[in-house]
Amino acid sequence: MTIDTHNSLSQRIEQKREDLIALTQDLVRIPTLNPPGEFYRDICEYLKRRLESLGFHVELVRAHEAPGDSEKYPRWNVIARFEGAQAGDCVHFNSHTDVVEVGQGWTTDPFGGELKDGKIYGRGTCDMKGGLAASIIAVEAFLEIFPNFAGAIEISGTADEETGGYGGVAYLAEKGYFAPTRVQHVIIPEPLQKDRICLGHRGVYWAEIETHGEIAHGSMPFLGNCAVRHMGAVLHEMETNLFPALAEKQTTMPIVPVGARQSTMNINSIHGGQSEPKPDFTGLPSACVPDSCRVVVDRRFLMEEAIEDVQQEIKEVLETVKAERDDFSYDVREILRVLPTMTQKDAPVVKSVARAITSVLGKQPEYVVSPGTYDQKHIDRIGRLKNCIAYGPGLLELAHKPDEYIGVQDMIDSAKVIGQSLVDLLIPK
């Protein structure tokens, strides 16, 4: 790309600054909370109108019978495609449209999209509606400067990434939308910072462990068998032996933050005994020995680990406790497994984005891996497409926090990087 062309594209993106702000605000003001999955159709219709006005062919796809899909909360996705003037590769920009719960501690309206001191505030600004808006603005500028490009550009807004992505990218991948014959390059504008290229993510194994007991009167616990005490022994064994062992497992993957370069496990939830009373119940609990206790564990593992070894570690904890306690029994139910993935640094999309970062920001990119999973897992596992990265504006540590925001200049800079990457991938040399 010549210096003049570079300047023309960058200037066109700068000229769209106010439009970028307005687009981001519009997206944030659609409260696509997940769970349960609200206003998915609304945001898809909004994107459909915008992209059709640019000449994209747009489809709305409902993920029928996917986890979470219902008549009350249908899982809607939008896919838009613009065909170039001649044959060539397809570059796909995938953004999830759902956002997590608001939570406490906000000083701004979570769905107001307030612009203050060069930042737009609101739930989903950083994760990841700001990235979605930046990719749209970059594509618009690219099409205006290069109307006769070779290949195709796709933009998708997909559901449920925050709860696994099974009503979004996973469903679409199963339907062939991410097949390598259709799409050759994928950029996911997740908030990994504008000078970073995210190559992939750690693996995850979620499981529910249940310890069993026998119900009895709480005044005579010796006549029962307390499942909560059994679970206490399990947690003690984890604290004493498993957690220290996980801390010793280190990876060569460039995971950020550095603390995630070891194996980790989070106790996601614990529940034993009687169900939580309804909010309008003002009575006391009954006196019972709990006959069941359940914990959900969230185990994040490394490229160097096998999923079978991860499962075996959990079993060894439980078998150790079983050998030490009378009347101890348990069940383990797998909830989710995702293998680690990491695109190679010499992949075409990585090299193109790296050159663009150097050109726009005047520095070499940092190559990182995410501590948690995102929708690259489905593009890799189901779509069999390896040429995929996450690149987008925003600070990862702001995701899911109160007073979440996205910097306008970060979006502008990321849009310039995305635009130059399109030139590198779709304009014949």
Protein backbone atom coordinates (compact mmCIF):
# COMPACT_ATOMS: atom_id res chain seq x y z
CA MET A 1 0.00 0.00 0.00
CA THR A 2 1.41 3.38 -0.97
CA ILE A 3 1.79 6.21 1.51
CA ASP A 4 -0.94 8.17 -0.29
CA THR A 5 -3.36 5.24 -0.10
CA HIS A 6 -2.46 4.70 3.54
CA ASN A 7 -3.16 8.34 4.31
CA SER A 8 -6.43 8.31 2.34
CA LEU A 9 -7.77 5.34 4.27
CA SER A 10 -6.68 6.72 7.63
CA GLN A 11 -8.16 10.13 6.82
CA ARG A 12 -11.46 8.56 5.78
CA ILE A 13 -11.63 6.71 9.10
CA GLU A 14 -10.83 9.93 10.99
CA GLN A 15 -13.66 11.63 9.13
CA LYS A 16 -16.01 8.97 10.46
CA ARG A 17 -15.20 9.68 14.12
CA GLU A 18 -18.62 11.10 14.98
CA ASP A 19 -20.34 8.27 13.13
CA LEU A 20 -18.22 5.76 15.06
CA ILE A 21 -19.26 7.35 18.35
CA ALA A 22 -22.94 7.37 17.38
CA LEU A 23 -22.82 3.77 16.16
CA THR A 24 -21.21 2.58 19.38
CA GLN A 25 -23.77 4.47 21.46
CA ASP A 26 -26.65 2.99 19.46
CA LEU A 27 -25.34 -0.53 19.98
CA VAL A 28 -24.82 -0.03 23.73
CA ARG A 29 -28.34 1.36 24.13
CA ILE A 30 -29.77 -1.97 22.97
CA PRO A 31 -29.61 -3.91 26.29
CA THR A 32 -28.72 -7.37 25.00
CA LEU A 33 -28.36 -8.96 28.44
CA ASN A 34 -27.33 -12.60 28.60
CA PRO A 35 -28.68 -14.40 30.49
CA PRO A 36 -31.46 -14.55 29.52
CA GLY A 37 -30.79 -13.25 25.97
CA GLU A 38 -32.79 -10.08 25.55
CA PHE A 39 -33.17 -7.88 22.45
CA TYR A 40 -31.13 -10.16 20.20
CA ARG A 41 -33.52 -9.66 17.31
CA ASP A 42 -33.45 -5.87 17.83
CA ILE A 43 -29.68 -5.56 17.51
CA CYS A 44 -29.64 -7.91 14.52
CA GLU A 45 -32.30 -5.83 12.78
CA TYR A 46 -30.31 -2.66 13.53
CA LEU A 47 -27.15 -4.15 12.00
CA LYS A 48 -29.12 -5.51 9.06
CA ARG A 49 -30.40 -2.05 8.15
CA ARG A 50 -26.96 -0.51 8.47
CA LEU A 51 -25.15 -3.14 6.41
CA GLU A 52 -27.82 -3.46 3.73
CA SER A 53 -27.48 0.28 3.13
CA LEU A 54 -23.83 -0.39 2.23
CA GLY A 55 -24.71 -3.09 -0.29
CA PHE A 56 -24.22 -6.17 1.90
CA HIS A 57 -26.38 -9.24 1.45
CA VAL A 58 -27.69 -9.86 4.97
CA GLU A 59 -29.16 -12.96 6.63
CA LEU A 60 -30.79 -13.31 10.03
CA VAL A 61 -30.24 -16.80 11.38
CA ARG A 62 -31.96 -18.19 14.46
CA ALA A 63 -30.13 -20.97 16.29
CA HIS A 64 -33.13 -23.25 16.67
CA GLU A 65 -32.87 -25.70 19.58
CA ALA A 66 -29.46 -24.41 20.62
CA PRO A 67 -28.89 -24.10 24.40
CA GLY A 68 -30.93 -21.13 25.62
CA ASP A 69 -33.07 -20.82 22.49
CA SER A 70 -36.80 -20.48 23.22
CA GLU A 71 -39.80 -18.65 21.88
CA LYS A 72 -39.38 -16.07 24.62
CA TYR A 73 -35.63 -15.71 24.10
CA PRO A 74 -34.77 -16.77 20.54
CA ARG A 75 -31.09 -16.88 19.65
CA TRP A 76 -30.77 -14.55 16.65
CA ASN A 77 -27.58 -13.94 14.66
CA VAL A 78 -26.84 -11.64 11.74
CA ILE A 79 -24.45 -12.49 8.88
CA ALA A 80 -23.62 -9.95 6.15
CA ARG A 81 -21.50 -10.52 3.03
CA PHE A 82 -20.15 -8.10 0.43
CA GLU A 83 -18.79 -9.63 -2.77
CA GLY A 84 -15.84 -7.92 -4.39
CA ALA A 85 -15.35 -7.18 -8.06
CA GLN A 86 -13.35 -10.35 -8.64
CA ALA A 87 -12.54 -13.64 -6.97
CA GLY A 88 -10.34 -13.71 -3.90
CA ASP A 89 -10.19 -14.52 -0.21
CA CYS A 90 -12.96 -13.75 2.27
CA VAL A 91 -12.19 -11.81 5.45
CA HIS A 92 -14.77 -12.28 8.21
CA PHE A 93 -15.23 -9.99 11.23
CA ASN A 94 -17.10 -11.72 14.02
CA SER A 95 -18.42 -9.88 17.08
CA HIS A 96 -20.74 -11.13 19.78
CA THR A 97 -23.71 -8.90 20.54
CA ASP A 98 -24.58 -10.16 24.03
CA VAL A 99 -23.44 -8.51 27.24
CA VAL A 100 -23.24 -9.75 30.83
CA GLU A 101 -25.32 -8.58 33.78
CA VAL A 102 -24.85 -5.01 34.92
CA GLY A 103 -23.87 -5.64 38.54
CA GLN A 104 -23.40 -3.02 41.25
CA GLY A 105 -21.14 0.03 41.52
CA TRP A 106 -21.98 2.02 38.39
CA THR A 107 -21.72 5.82 38.41
CA THR A 108 -23.08 6.12 34.85
CA ASP A 109 -26.15 4.71 33.11
CA PRO A 110 -25.09 1.17 32.05
CA PHE A 111 -27.09 1.50 28.84
CA GLY A 112 -26.77 5.24 28.32
CA GLY A 113 -23.67 5.31 26.12
CA GLU A 114 -22.44 8.49 27.80
CA LEU A 115 -19.49 10.20 26.07
CA LYS A 116 -17.14 11.77 28.60
CA ASP A 117 -13.47 12.75 28.26
CA GLY A 118 -13.04 10.77 25.06
CA LYS A 119 -14.59 7.59 26.47
CA ILE A 120 -17.97 5.97 25.87
CA TYR A 121 -19.40 4.35 29.00
CA GLY A 122 -21.83 1.45 29.22
CA ARG A 123 -22.19 -2.29 29.56
CA GLY A 124 -20.66 -3.87 26.47
CA THR A 125 -18.73 -0.81 25.28
CA CYS A 126 -15.43 -2.61 25.76
CA ASP A 127 -16.70 -6.19 25.52
CA MET A 128 -17.32 -5.90 22.64
CA LYS A 129 -19.66 -3.46 20.93
CA GLY A 130 -16.84 -0.95 20.54
CA GLY A 131 -14.90 -3.54 18.54
CA LEU A 132 -17.97 -4.32 16.44
CA ALA A 133 -18.44 -0.62 15.67
CA ALA A 134 -14.74 -0.16 14.83
CA SER A 135 -14.81 -3.07 12.38
CA ILE A 136 -17.93 -1.70 10.64
CA ILE A 137 -16.42 1.77 10.28
CA ALA A 138 -13.16 0.28 8.96
CA VAL A 139 -15.03 -1.79 6.39
CA GLU A 140 -17.12 1.21 5.30
CA ALA A 141 -13.99 3.31 4.77
CA PHE A 142 -12.28 0.47 2.91
CA LEU A 143 -15.23 0.03 0.54
CA GLU A 144 -15.28 3.76 -0.21
CA ILE A 145 -11.57 3.83 -1.07
CA PHE A 146 -11.36 0.39 -2.73
CA PRO A 147 -14.71 -0.41 -4.39
CA ASN A 148 -13.08 -2.85 -6.83
CA PHE A 149 -11.31 -5.07 -4.32
CA ALA A 150 -10.85 -8.80 -4.90
CA GLY A 151 -12.60 -11.31 -2.64
CA ALA A 152 -15.34 -10.82 -0.08
CA ILE A 153 -15.93 -9.25 3.32
CA GLU A 154 -18.26 -10.67 5.95
CA ILE A 155 -19.48 -9.12 9.19
CA SER A 156 -21.38 -11.10 11.78
CA GLY A 157 -23.09 -10.24 15.05
CA THR A 158 -23.60 -13.41 17.04
CA ALA A 159 -25.35 -14.53 20.21
CA ASP A 160 -24.33 -16.06 23.50
CA GLU A 161 -20.53 -15.75 23.52
CA GLU A 162 -20.77 -14.84 27.20
CA THR A 163 -22.42 -18.20 27.92
CA GLY A 164 -20.38 -20.42 25.60
CA GLY A 165 -21.39 -19.27 22.12
CA TYR A 166 -23.53 -22.32 21.34
CA GLY A 167 -26.45 -20.22 20.13
CA GLY A 168 -24.09 -18.13 18.02
CA VAL A 169 -20.78 -19.05 16.41
CA ALA A 170 -21.02 -22.75 17.29
CA TYR A 171 -24.41 -23.03 15.57
CA LEU A 172 -23.23 -21.09 12.52
CA ALA A 173 -20.04 -23.15 12.28
CA GLU A 174 -22.11 -26.32 12.30
CA LYS A 175 -24.14 -24.88 9.41
CA GLY A 176 -20.98 -24.23 7.39
CA TYR A 177 -20.71 -20.46 7.75
CA PHE A 178 -17.06 -20.76 8.88
CA ALA A 179 -15.98 -23.48 6.48
CA PRO A 180 -12.50 -22.80 5.02
CA THR A 181 -13.99 -22.97 1.53
CA ARG A 182 -16.24 -20.01 2.36
CA VAL A 183 -14.05 -17.94 4.74
CA GLN A 184 -10.25 -17.75 4.73
CA HIS A 185 -9.44 -15.15 7.42
CA VAL A 186 -11.28 -14.37 10.66
CA ILE A 187 -10.73 -11.40 12.96
CA ILE A 188 -12.67 -11.25 16.24
CA PRO A 189 -12.55 -7.66 17.62
CA GLU A 190 -12.41 -8.68 21.29
CA PRO A 191 -10.84 -6.11 23.68
CA LEU A 192 -7.25 -7.30 23.86
CA GLN A 193 -5.77 -3.78 23.33
CA LYS A 194 -4.99 -2.12 20.03
CA ASP A 195 -1.30 -3.12 19.93
CA ARG A 196 -1.86 -6.79 20.70
CA ILE A 197 -2.70 -9.78 18.53
CA CYS A 198 -4.44 -12.54 20.45
CA LEU A 199 -3.53 -15.92 18.99
CA GLY A 200 -5.87 -18.09 21.03
CA HIS A 201 -6.85 -19.15 24.53
CA ARG A 202 -6.38 -21.68 27.33
CA GLY A 203 -8.54 -24.76 27.60
CA VAL A 204 -11.47 -25.10 29.97
CA TYR A 205 -13.04 -28.03 31.79
CA TRP A 206 -16.20 -27.34 33.78
CA ALA A 207 -17.63 -30.09 35.94
CA GLU A 208 -20.18 -30.50 38.71
CA ILE A 209 -19.08 -32.65 41.64
CA GLU A 210 -21.78 -34.04 43.90
CA THR A 211 -21.23 -35.73 47.24
CA HIS A 212 -24.02 -37.92 48.61
CA GLY A 213 -25.33 -38.42 52.13
CA GLU A 214 -28.48 -39.48 53.95
CA ILE A 215 -31.18 -37.17 55.24
CA ALA A 216 -32.03 -37.27 58.95
CA HIS A 217 -33.28 -34.98 61.71
CA GLY A 218 -30.84 -32.17 62.39
CA SER A 219 -30.99 -32.81 66.13
CA MET A 220 -29.71 -36.36 65.52
CA PRO A 221 -27.09 -35.96 62.79
CA PHE A 222 -25.50 -39.27 63.81
CA LEU A 223 -28.51 -40.98 62.24
CA GLY A 224 -27.78 -39.37 58.88
CA ASN A 225 -24.81 -38.80 56.64
CA CYS A 226 -23.87 -35.18 55.96
CA ALA A 227 -23.04 -34.55 52.31
CA VAL A 228 -21.79 -31.04 53.14
CA ARG A 229 -19.14 -32.40 55.50
CA HIS A 230 -18.06 -34.79 52.77
CA MET A 231 -17.72 -31.85 50.39
CA GLY A 232 -15.74 -29.97 53.01
CA ALA A 233 -13.23 -32.83 52.96
CA VAL A 234 -13.07 -32.61 49.17
CA LEU A 235 -12.39 -28.86 49.29
CA HIS A 236 -9.73 -29.42 51.97
CA GLU A 237 -7.97 -31.97 49.76
CA MET A 238 -8.08 -29.50 46.87
CA GLU A 239 -6.62 -26.72 49.00
CA THR A 240 -3.92 -28.98 50.47
CA ASN A 241 -2.75 -30.82 47.39
CA LEU A 242 -4.46 -29.92 44.11
CA PHE A 243 -4.14 -26.13 44.11
CA PRO A 244 -0.41 -26.17 44.95
CA ALA A 245 0.14 -28.75 42.18
CA LEU A 246 -1.71 -26.59 39.64
CA ALA A 247 0.45 -23.59 40.54
CA GLU A 248 3.52 -25.60 39.52
CA LYS A 249 2.20 -26.19 35.98
CA GLN A 250 3.58 -23.47 33.70
CA THR A 251 3.17 -22.81 29.97
CA THR A 252 5.12 -21.33 27.11
CA MET A 253 1.87 -19.82 25.78
CA PRO A 254 2.10 -15.96 25.98
CA ILE A 255 -1.00 -15.69 28.17
CA VAL A 256 -1.98 -12.35 29.68
CA PRO A 257 -2.08 -11.54 32.49
CA VAL A 258 1.07 -13.38 33.55
CA GLY A 259 -0.72 -14.99 36.50
CA ALA A 260 -2.71 -17.09 34.04
CA ARG A 261 0.43 -18.76 32.66
CA GLN A 262 -0.15 -21.49 35.21
CA SER A 263 -3.01 -23.95 35.51
CA THR A 264 -5.90 -22.60 37.56
CA MET A 265 -9.16 -23.78 39.02
CA ASN A 266 -12.04 -21.72 40.37
CA ILE A 267 -14.77 -23.02 42.65
CA ASN A 268 -17.61 -21.48 40.68
CA SER A 269 -20.48 -22.33 43.05
CA ILE A 270 -21.42 -24.51 45.99
CA HIS A 271 -24.78 -25.66 47.24
CA GLY A 272 -25.77 -28.22 49.84
CA GLY A 273 -28.93 -29.15 51.64
CA GLN A 274 -32.25 -27.41 51.26
CA SER A 275 -33.02 -25.16 48.34
CA GLU A 276 -32.79 -21.42 48.83
CA PRO A 277 -36.14 -20.07 50.08
CA LYS A 278 -38.18 -17.82 47.84
CA PRO A 279 -37.76 -14.08 48.51
CA ASP A 280 -41.24 -13.78 50.00
CA PHE A 281 -40.70 -16.63 52.50
CA THR A 282 -40.12 -15.31 56.03
CA GLY A 283 -39.99 -18.59 57.96
CA LEU A 284 -37.10 -20.67 59.25
CA PRO A 285 -35.38 -23.60 57.57
CA SER A 286 -36.26 -27.12 58.59
CA ALA A 287 -33.88 -29.24 60.67
CA CYS A 288 -32.41 -31.72 58.20
CA VAL A 289 -29.07 -33.35 57.55
CA PRO A 290 -28.21 -32.56 53.90
CA ASP A 291 -28.13 -35.60 51.66
CA SER A 292 -26.54 -33.80 48.69
CA CYS A 293 -23.88 -31.16 48.14
CA ARG A 294 -22.74 -29.88 44.75
CA VAL A 295 -19.86 -27.72 43.59
CA VAL A 296 -19.09 -26.52 40.08
CA VAL A 297 -15.39 -26.30 39.25
CA ASP A 298 -13.94 -24.17 36.45
CA ARG A 299 -10.57 -25.64 35.50
CA ARG A 300 -8.41 -23.73 32.99
CA PHE A 301 -5.63 -25.74 31.44
CA LEU A 302 -2.63 -25.29 29.17
CA MET A 303 -1.42 -26.50 25.79
CA GLU A 304 1.01 -28.74 27.66
CA GLU A 305 -1.81 -30.61 29.44
CA ALA A 306 -4.10 -33.34 28.12
CA ILE A 307 -7.81 -33.17 28.93
CA GLU A 308 -7.62 -36.76 30.21
CA ASP A 309 -5.02 -35.70 32.80
CA VAL A 310 -7.20 -32.78 33.88
CA GLN A 311 -10.11 -35.14 34.50
CA GLN A 312 -7.87 -37.65 36.28
CA GLU A 313 -6.68 -34.98 38.74
CA ILE A 314 -10.26 -34.38 39.86
CA LYS A 315 -10.88 -38.11 40.19
CA GLU A 316 -7.72 -38.55 42.28
CA VAL A 317 -8.92 -35.89 44.73
CA LEU A 318 -12.23 -37.68 45.14
CA GLU A 319 -10.69 -41.14 45.43
CA THR A 320 -8.25 -39.87 48.05
CA VAL A 321 -11.13 -38.57 50.16
CA LYS A 322 -13.12 -41.76 49.60
CA ALA A 323 -10.26 -43.82 51.02
CA GLU A 324 -10.26 -41.73 54.18
CA ARG A 325 -14.01 -41.37 54.90
CA ASP A 326 -16.72 -43.90 55.64
CA ASP A 327 -19.92 -43.86 53.58
CA PHE A 328 -18.43 -41.45 51.03
CA SER A 329 -19.80 -41.53 47.50
CA TYR A 330 -19.75 -39.04 44.66
CA ASP A 331 -20.67 -38.31 41.07
CA VAL A 332 -18.94 -36.09 38.51
CA ARG A 333 -20.89 -34.55 35.65
CA GLU A 334 -19.04 -32.81 32.83
CA ILE A 335 -20.59 -29.46 31.87
CA LEU A 336 -18.16 -28.12 29.29
CA ARG A 337 -14.83 -28.91 27.72
CA VAL A 338 -12.85 -26.74 25.31
CA LEU A 339 -9.34 -27.58 24.20
CA PRO A 340 -6.66 -24.86 24.08
CA THR A 341 -6.09 -23.25 20.70
CA MET A 342 -3.33 -21.03 19.36
CA THR A 343 -2.92 -19.78 15.79
CA GLN A 344 0.64 -19.76 14.50
CA LYS A 345 2.42 -16.40 14.26
CA ASP A 346 3.17 -17.00 10.58
CA ALA A 347 -0.52 -17.41 9.66
CA PRO A 348 -1.61 -14.96 6.92
CA VAL A 349 -4.09 -13.01 9.06
CA VAL A 350 -1.52 -12.66 11.86
CA LYS A 351 1.14 -11.29 9.54
CA SER A 352 -1.28 -8.83 7.90
CA VAL A 353 -2.53 -7.43 11.20
CA ALA A 354 1.04 -7.28 12.53
CA ARG A 355 2.16 -5.18 9.57
CA ALA A 356 -0.84 -2.90 10.02
CA ILE A 357 -0.13 -2.38 13.74
CA THR A 358 3.46 -1.45 12.96
CA SER A 359 2.35 0.97 10.25
CA VAL A 360 -0.45 2.66 12.25
CA LEU A 361 1.01 2.63 15.75
CA GLY A 362 4.73 2.71 14.94
CA LYS A 363 5.53 -0.30 17.11
CA GLN A 364 5.81 -4.05 16.89
CA PRO A 365 2.72 -5.94 18.06
CA GLU A 366 2.64 -7.97 21.24
CA TYR A 367 1.47 -11.54 20.69
CA VAL A 368 -0.75 -12.80 23.50
CA VAL A 369 -3.11 -15.60 24.47
CA SER A 370 -6.35 -15.07 26.37
CA PRO A 371 -6.78 -16.57 29.86
CA GLY A 372 -10.41 -17.40 29.06
CA THR A 373 -12.05 -18.81 25.98
CA TYR A 374 -13.95 -16.90 23.32
CA ASP A 375 -15.57 -17.86 20.03
CA GLN A 376 -12.30 -18.80 18.31
CA LYS A 377 -12.83 -22.21 19.92
CA HIS A 378 -15.81 -22.95 17.67
CA ILE A 379 -14.20 -21.58 14.51
CA ASP A 380 -11.23 -23.86 15.16
CA ARG A 381 -12.99 -26.98 16.50
CA ILE A 382 -16.15 -27.02 14.35
CA GLY A 383 -15.25 -24.83 11.39
CA ARG A 384 -11.76 -26.33 11.08
CA LEU A 385 -10.47 -22.85 10.28
CA LYS A 386 -7.08 -22.16 11.86
CA ASN A 387 -6.43 -18.71 10.35
CA CYS A 388 -8.24 -16.85 13.12
CA ILE A 389 -7.23 -14.25 15.72
CA ALA A 390 -8.73 -11.79 18.16
CA TYR A 391 -7.80 -8.17 17.55
CA GLY A 392 -9.72 -5.15 18.76
CA PRO A 393 -9.83 -2.01 20.88
CA GLY A 394 -10.36 -1.88 24.62
CA LEU A 395 -8.70 -2.96 27.84
CA LEU A 396 -9.36 -6.57 28.80
CA GLU A 397 -9.44 -5.73 32.51
CA LEU A 398 -12.52 -3.50 31.99
CA ALA A 399 -14.66 -6.38 30.70
CA HIS A 400 -17.61 -7.21 32.99
CA LYS A 401 -16.65 -4.37 35.41
CA PRO A 402 -18.79 -1.43 36.60
CA ASP A 403 -18.29 1.78 34.60
CA GLU A 404 -17.03 -0.22 31.64
CA TYR A 405 -15.84 2.06 28.83
CA ILE A 406 -14.13 2.19 25.45
CA GLY A 407 -11.74 4.94 24.36
CA VAL A 408 -12.76 6.67 21.14
CA GLN A 409 -9.17 7.09 19.98
CA ASP A 410 -8.50 3.41 20.62
CA MET A 411 -11.44 2.56 18.35
CA ILE A 412 -10.15 4.93 15.67
CA ASP A 413 -6.66 3.43 15.82
CA SER A 414 -8.01 -0.13 15.74
CA ALA A 415 -10.24 0.75 12.78
CA LYS A 416 -7.15 2.00 10.93
CA VAL A 417 -5.34 -1.26 11.68
CA ILE A 418 -8.35 -3.26 10.49
CA GLY A 419 -8.61 -1.16 7.35
CA GLN A 420 -4.96 -1.62 6.48
CA SER A 421 -5.26 -5.35 7.13
CA LEU A 422 -8.08 -5.50 4.57
CA VAL A 423 -5.85 -3.76 2.03
CA ASP A 424 -3.07 -6.25 2.71
CA LEU A 425 -5.40 -9.25 2.35
CA LEU A 426 -7.76 -8.17 -0.43
CA ILE A 427 -5.94 -5.75 -2.72
CA PRO A 428 -3.79 -7.53 -5.33
CA LYS A 429 -0.11 -6.67 -4.98
